Protein backbone atom coordinates (compact mmCIF):
# COMPACT_ATOMS: atom_id res chain seq x y z
CA MET A 1 -12.76 1.36 7.66
CA PRO A 2 -11.74 4.38 4.72
CA LEU A 3 -8.36 3.41 3.77
CA LYS A 4 -5.41 6.09 2.83
CA ILE A 5 -4.59 5.13 -1.13
CA ALA A 6 -1.73 6.92 -2.81
CA ILE A 7 -1.42 6.03 -6.59
CA GLN A 8 1.57 6.22 -8.90
CA MET A 9 0.26 7.23 -12.55
CA ASP A 10 1.09 8.83 -15.41
CA PRO A 11 -0.17 12.51 -15.73
CA ILE A 12 -3.94 12.21 -14.93
CA GLY A 13 -4.70 15.58 -16.76
CA PRO A 14 -4.34 14.12 -20.37
CA ILE A 15 -6.30 10.54 -19.64
CA ASN A 16 -9.74 9.51 -21.27
CA ILE A 17 -12.08 9.21 -18.68
CA ASP A 18 -14.21 6.48 -20.28
CA ALA A 19 -11.33 4.32 -20.89
CA ASP A 20 -8.91 4.70 -18.44
CA SER A 21 -8.67 1.58 -15.78
CA THR A 22 -6.57 4.10 -13.57
CA PHE A 23 -9.37 6.34 -13.14
CA ARG A 24 -12.27 4.05 -12.48
CA ILE A 25 -10.01 2.51 -9.36
CA ALA A 26 -9.77 6.00 -8.21
CA GLU A 27 -13.16 6.65 -8.55
CA GLU A 28 -14.45 3.68 -6.98
CA ALA A 29 -11.93 4.02 -4.36
CA GLN A 30 -13.46 7.54 -3.38
CA ALA A 31 -16.97 6.08 -3.92
CA ARG A 32 -16.48 3.82 -0.82
CA GLY A 33 -15.02 6.80 1.19
CA HIS A 34 -11.01 6.31 0.51
CA SER A 35 -8.53 9.04 0.49
CA LEU A 36 -6.96 9.60 -2.65
CA PHE A 37 -3.22 11.26 -3.25
CA TYR A 38 -1.68 11.12 -6.63
CA TYR A 39 2.15 11.46 -7.81
CA THR A 40 3.73 10.89 -10.94
CA PRO A 41 6.66 7.95 -11.37
CA ASP A 42 9.20 10.97 -11.18
CA ARG A 43 8.48 12.40 -8.06
CA LEU A 44 9.10 8.91 -6.34
CA ALA A 45 12.14 9.28 -3.89
CA TRP A 46 14.17 7.02 -1.53
CA GLN A 47 15.63 9.09 1.14
CA ASP A 48 17.61 8.13 4.41
CA GLY A 49 15.28 4.93 4.76
CA ARG A 50 11.87 6.58 3.66
CA VAL A 51 10.11 5.98 0.37
CA THR A 52 8.78 9.43 -0.33
CA ALA A 53 6.56 10.88 -3.27
CA ARG A 54 5.38 14.55 -3.96
CA GLY A 55 2.42 14.67 -5.09
CA TRP A 56 -1.18 16.18 -4.35
CA PRO A 57 -4.81 15.13 -2.46
CA LEU A 58 -6.71 14.12 -5.43
CA GLU A 59 -10.69 14.06 -6.10
CA VAL A 60 -12.30 12.75 -9.05
CA ARG A 61 -15.37 13.12 -10.91
CA ARG A 62 -17.00 11.94 -14.15
CA VAL A 63 -17.15 15.03 -16.06
CA LYS A 64 -15.03 15.50 -19.21
CA GLY A 65 -12.26 17.93 -19.27
CA ASP A 66 -13.14 18.94 -15.61
CA HIS A 67 -12.50 15.31 -13.85
CA TYR A 68 -10.10 15.86 -11.07
CA ARG A 69 -9.36 18.46 -8.29
CA LEU A 70 -5.65 18.70 -6.77
CA GLY A 71 -4.86 20.05 -3.13
CA ALA A 72 -2.15 21.77 -2.28
CA GLU A 73 1.39 19.88 -3.40
CA THR A 74 3.18 18.27 -0.34
CA GLU A 75 5.81 15.58 0.19
CA VAL A 76 4.24 12.19 1.66
CA ASP A 77 5.98 9.40 3.72
CA LEU A 78 4.28 6.36 1.80
CA ALA A 79 4.71 4.25 4.76
CA ASP A 80 2.06 6.10 6.27
CA TRP A 81 -0.68 4.62 3.11
CA ASP A 82 -2.20 1.89 3.71
CA VAL A 83 -2.32 1.08 -0.38
CA VAL A 84 0.01 2.34 -2.98
CA TRP A 85 -0.94 1.60 -6.50
CA LEU A 86 1.76 0.63 -9.12
CA ARG A 87 0.07 2.18 -12.55
CA GLN A 88 2.01 3.99 -14.35
CA ASP A 89 2.04 2.51 -18.17
CA PRO A 90 4.71 1.07 -19.50
CA PRO A 91 7.43 0.76 -21.54
CA PHE A 92 8.87 -1.58 -18.76
CA ASP A 93 12.34 -0.04 -18.84
CA MET A 94 14.91 0.79 -16.30
CA GLY A 95 12.77 3.75 -14.55
CA TYR A 96 9.54 1.45 -14.23
CA ILE A 97 11.96 -1.12 -12.78
CA THR A 98 13.48 1.04 -10.29
CA THR A 99 10.10 2.31 -8.83
CA THR A 100 9.62 -1.46 -8.31
CA HIS A 101 12.78 -1.75 -6.17
CA ILE A 102 12.02 1.55 -4.02
CA LEU A 103 8.17 0.63 -3.41
CA GLU A 104 9.05 -2.94 -2.37
CA HIS A 105 10.58 -1.37 0.58
CA LEU A 106 7.34 -0.45 1.67
CA MET A 107 5.68 -4.03 2.00
CA PRO A 108 4.35 -5.63 3.83
CA GLY A 109 3.36 -2.79 6.07
CA THR A 110 2.14 -0.79 3.02
CA LEU A 111 -0.08 -3.04 0.47
CA VAL A 112 1.21 -1.99 -2.82
CA VAL A 113 -0.60 -3.46 -6.05
CA ASN A 114 0.31 -5.55 -7.87
CA ASP A 115 3.09 -6.80 -5.99
CA PRO A 116 6.29 -4.45 -7.13
CA PHE A 117 8.68 -7.71 -6.52
CA TRP A 118 6.50 -9.82 -9.40
CA VAL A 119 5.57 -7.21 -11.49
CA ARG A 120 9.56 -6.47 -12.01
CA ASN A 121 10.16 -10.44 -12.22
CA SER A 122 6.86 -11.15 -14.43
CA PRO A 123 6.29 -8.68 -16.99
CA GLU A 124 3.84 -8.98 -19.65
CA LYS A 125 5.56 -11.20 -22.40
CA LEU A 126 7.77 -13.45 -19.62
CA LEU A 127 5.55 -14.83 -17.50
CA VAL A 128 3.62 -16.13 -20.26
CA LEU A 129 6.62 -18.72 -20.62
CA SER A 130 5.99 -20.62 -17.33
CA PHE A 131 3.10 -21.99 -19.35
CA PRO A 132 4.63 -23.36 -22.64
CA ASP A 133 1.35 -25.68 -23.29
CA LEU A 134 -0.78 -22.75 -23.37
CA HIS A 135 1.30 -19.93 -25.21
CA PRO A 136 1.90 -20.08 -29.57
CA PRO A 137 5.16 -20.96 -30.44
CA THR A 138 7.66 -18.28 -29.38
CA THR A 139 11.43 -17.26 -29.56
CA ILE A 140 13.05 -14.45 -27.45
CA ALA A 141 16.45 -13.41 -29.09
CA ARG A 142 18.32 -10.64 -30.05
CA ASP A 143 20.61 -13.24 -32.12
CA LEU A 144 19.55 -12.62 -36.10
CA GLU A 145 20.27 -16.27 -36.93
CA THR A 146 17.87 -17.49 -33.95
CA LEU A 147 14.83 -15.04 -35.44
CA LYS A 148 15.49 -16.17 -39.02
CA ALA A 149 15.34 -19.90 -38.00
CA PHE A 150 12.02 -19.38 -36.21
CA LYS A 151 10.59 -17.14 -38.90
CA HIS A 152 12.00 -20.11 -41.40
CA ALA A 153 10.04 -22.49 -39.22
CA HIS A 154 6.90 -21.17 -38.95
CA GLY A 155 6.66 -18.96 -42.14
CA ASP A 156 4.20 -15.97 -40.77
CA ILE A 157 5.27 -14.05 -37.58
CA ILE A 158 4.98 -11.53 -35.38
CA LEU A 159 8.08 -9.71 -34.35
CA LYS A 160 7.46 -6.93 -31.69
CA PRO A 161 9.57 -5.29 -28.73
CA LEU A 162 10.08 -7.31 -25.49
CA TYR A 163 8.99 -4.51 -23.35
CA GLY A 164 6.90 -2.52 -25.59
CA ASN A 165 3.16 -1.84 -24.99
CA GLY A 166 -0.08 -0.80 -26.40
CA GLY A 167 0.54 -2.21 -29.76
CA ALA A 168 3.49 0.01 -30.60
CA GLY A 169 6.24 -1.72 -32.81
CA VAL A 170 4.29 -4.72 -33.70
CA PHE A 171 5.11 -6.36 -37.28
CA ARG A 172 3.49 -9.13 -39.10
CA LEU A 173 5.78 -10.62 -41.48
CA ASP A 174 4.25 -13.54 -43.75
CA PRO A 175 6.01 -16.11 -45.98
CA ALA A 176 6.72 -13.67 -48.62
CA ASP A 177 8.24 -10.70 -46.12
CA ARG A 178 11.59 -9.76 -46.76
CA ASN A 179 12.08 -7.02 -43.99
CA LEU A 180 13.34 -9.35 -40.81
CA ASN A 181 16.71 -8.27 -41.58
CA ALA A 182 15.93 -4.27 -41.76
CA LEU A 183 13.76 -4.57 -38.41
CA HIS A 184 16.28 -6.31 -36.53
CA GLU A 185 18.71 -3.95 -37.51
CA LEU A 186 16.36 -0.76 -36.67
CA PHE A 187 15.29 -2.37 -33.07
CA THR A 188 18.56 -3.27 -32.13
CA SER A 189 20.13 0.17 -33.28
CA MET A 190 17.36 1.68 -30.68
CA SER A 191 17.76 -1.15 -27.93
CA ARG A 192 19.78 -3.39 -26.16
CA GLU A 193 17.18 -5.52 -25.34
CA PRO A 194 16.00 -9.25 -27.48
CA LEU A 195 13.18 -9.14 -29.37
CA ILE A 196 9.68 -11.55 -29.27
CA ALA A 197 8.58 -13.33 -32.12
CA GLN A 198 5.73 -15.85 -32.23
CA LYS A 199 4.02 -17.57 -34.80
CA PHE A 200 1.04 -15.57 -36.56
CA LEU A 201 -2.34 -16.79 -35.43
CA PRO A 202 -4.87 -16.48 -37.90
CA ALA A 203 -7.70 -15.89 -35.44
CA VAL A 204 -6.66 -12.28 -34.47
CA ALA A 205 -8.92 -11.84 -37.30
CA SER A 206 -12.06 -12.48 -34.96
CA GLY A 207 -10.44 -10.43 -32.01
CA ASP A 208 -8.33 -10.70 -29.28
CA LYS A 209 -9.59 -11.29 -26.22
CA ARG A 210 -8.97 -9.61 -23.06
CA ILE A 211 -9.83 -11.30 -19.76
CA ILE A 212 -9.93 -9.87 -16.42
CA LEU A 213 -8.85 -11.57 -13.60
CA VAL A 214 -9.35 -9.93 -9.96
CA ASP A 215 -7.01 -12.04 -7.39
CA GLY A 216 -6.93 -14.49 -9.65
CA GLU A 217 -10.39 -14.92 -10.79
CA ALA A 218 -11.57 -14.54 -14.22
CA VAL A 219 -14.32 -11.89 -13.90
CA GLY A 220 -14.94 -11.24 -17.49
CA ALA A 221 -13.68 -10.71 -20.91
CA ILE A 222 -13.82 -8.24 -23.80
CA ASN A 223 -12.86 -8.91 -27.57
CA ARG A 224 -10.75 -6.29 -29.08
CA VAL A 225 -11.25 -6.52 -33.04
CA PRO A 226 -8.51 -5.33 -35.04
CA ALA A 227 -9.13 -2.36 -37.60
CA GLU A 228 -9.67 -3.31 -41.08
CA GLY A 229 -6.43 -3.65 -42.88
CA GLU A 230 -5.01 -3.85 -38.99
CA THR A 231 -3.20 -6.83 -37.79
CA ARG A 232 -2.99 -5.37 -33.85
CA SER A 233 -6.05 -5.18 -32.13
CA ASN A 234 -4.97 -2.75 -29.18
CA MET A 235 -7.51 -0.35 -28.65
CA HIS A 236 -4.76 2.04 -28.65
CA VAL A 237 -4.24 1.68 -32.43
CA GLY A 238 -8.14 1.47 -33.43
CA GLY A 239 -9.27 -1.79 -31.81
CA ARG A 240 -12.99 -2.18 -31.46
CA PRO A 241 -14.18 -3.59 -28.24
CA GLU A 242 -16.98 -6.26 -28.58
CA PRO A 243 -19.05 -8.08 -25.37
CA VAL A 244 -18.04 -11.86 -25.60
CA GLY A 245 -18.32 -14.64 -23.09
CA LEU A 246 -15.44 -17.09 -21.67
CA THR A 247 -14.91 -20.24 -23.53
CA GLU A 248 -14.06 -23.85 -21.80
CA ARG A 249 -10.17 -23.37 -22.92
CA ASP A 250 -10.50 -19.45 -21.58
CA ARG A 251 -11.72 -21.16 -18.08
CA GLU A 252 -8.81 -23.60 -18.67
CA ILE A 253 -6.26 -20.91 -18.91
CA CYS A 254 -7.74 -19.17 -16.33
CA ASP A 255 -7.73 -21.83 -13.81
CA ARG A 256 -4.24 -22.51 -14.69
CA ILE A 257 -2.55 -19.43 -14.28
CA GLY A 258 -5.09 -17.89 -11.38
CA PRO A 259 -3.08 -19.63 -8.63
CA VAL A 260 -0.01 -18.50 -9.64
CA LEU A 261 -1.35 -14.83 -9.98
CA LYS A 262 -3.09 -14.82 -6.60
CA GLU A 263 0.38 -16.35 -4.65
CA LYS A 264 2.20 -13.55 -6.78
CA GLY A 265 -0.16 -10.77 -5.16
CA GLN A 266 -1.46 -9.70 -8.64
CA ILE A 267 -4.62 -8.17 -7.61
CA PHE A 268 -5.63 -6.81 -11.24
CA VAL A 269 -4.19 -8.74 -13.97
CA GLY A 270 -5.45 -8.58 -17.82
CA ILE A 271 -4.42 -11.87 -20.18
CA ASP A 272 -4.59 -11.52 -24.01
CA VAL A 273 -5.74 -14.55 -25.56
CA ILE A 274 -6.22 -15.19 -29.22
CA GLY A 275 -7.96 -18.58 -30.36
CA ASP A 276 -6.92 -21.05 -27.60
CA TRP A 277 -3.73 -19.36 -27.12
CA LEU A 278 -2.91 -17.33 -24.51
CA THR A 279 -0.31 -14.52 -25.77
CA GLU A 280 0.36 -12.27 -22.68
CA ILE A 281 0.13 -11.63 -19.11
CA ASN A 282 -0.62 -8.32 -18.50
CA VAL A 283 0.48 -6.99 -14.85
CA THR A 284 2.06 -3.59 -14.96
CA SER A 285 -0.75 -1.27 -15.84
CA PRO A 286 -3.91 -3.50 -17.44
CA THR A 287 -6.73 -2.04 -18.75
CA GLY A 288 -10.24 -2.94 -19.93
CA ILE A 289 -12.32 -2.17 -16.44
CA LEU A 290 -14.54 0.57 -18.29
CA GLU A 291 -15.60 -1.51 -21.56
CA LEU A 292 -15.69 -4.60 -19.58
CA GLU A 293 -18.42 -2.75 -17.03
CA ARG A 294 -20.15 -1.57 -20.01
CA PHE A 295 -21.05 -4.31 -21.69
CA ASP A 296 -21.45 -6.76 -18.66
CA GLY A 297 -23.26 -4.26 -15.86
CA ALA A 298 -20.92 -5.20 -13.54
CA ASN A 299 -18.57 -3.28 -11.07
CA ILE A 300 -15.05 -4.83 -11.49
CA ALA A 301 -13.56 -2.27 -9.78
CA GLY A 302 -15.57 -2.78 -6.74
CA ARG A 303 -14.25 -6.38 -7.24
CA ILE A 304 -10.98 -5.01 -6.98
CA TRP A 305 -11.32 -3.21 -3.87
CA ASP A 306 -12.90 -6.16 -2.64
CA ALA A 307 -9.83 -7.82 -2.78
CA ILE A 308 -7.45 -5.23 -1.32
CA GLU A 309 -10.17 -4.37 1.52
CA ALA A 310 -9.99 -7.61 2.32
CA ARG A 311 -6.19 -8.06 2.52
CA ARG A 312 -5.99 -5.01 4.64
CA GLN A 313 -8.56 -6.07 7.61
């Protein structure tokens, strides 16, 4: 049965249709006969007990520079929709958190993907802490002395914003580096949030593996190899995607976290694995569908919609 799908996302105009997972999700929904409605997070509202959004009926097509058509702008009650996608990109700030509170009021009548309660309570770099034997040595702190002690213990570390994304603000501090104080001063002058420090994993030179899980089950992976002279492997900053299979350790990690993700309603998740270590569990707006589909020839977006349609039956 056709579903009414609303997509909360960043502006659709500038997206790269060859890399944008939200576009691929919309494209597959449309191919299945579902109707689409699009709005940006700033147009979401709570009005006298109703969750509303001002947006547009949407049609998508895989034509660069002409990839979407919008209908007439209108205000809708999202309780009338079958599925709402929470797909705007981080940073995971109070604006983002507020949308999860508002969208939570739609459930269970409307399925919100991923479940906003658990998106709010399990952001990328925090859910991983529930699996201490799977992640590398990690400290989350704002206190400079705590961060200094961590660097002294591990020598070569990665320092980054706790709620950042896309590789922004990620620094490697090797044993000879003297910039921890200055970076701490910079970060704390910009935000009241803690920082996250992790032991540097040399295996990142061979790639940072993005494994996609659908409803708790691993469906494939891509390897993101850093550009020459770069520590960061994010594709936003020049990381090169390559095909890769799942190792026994990858499957062990997925078998451990998969049931938790399924239980928490996290239907589309991308985890990051460097060597033998889980570094992030991406639940806010994971990417990688198109790259994996190109390498494996599998319909990953189709697997996602199979899981959603099963929940709406």
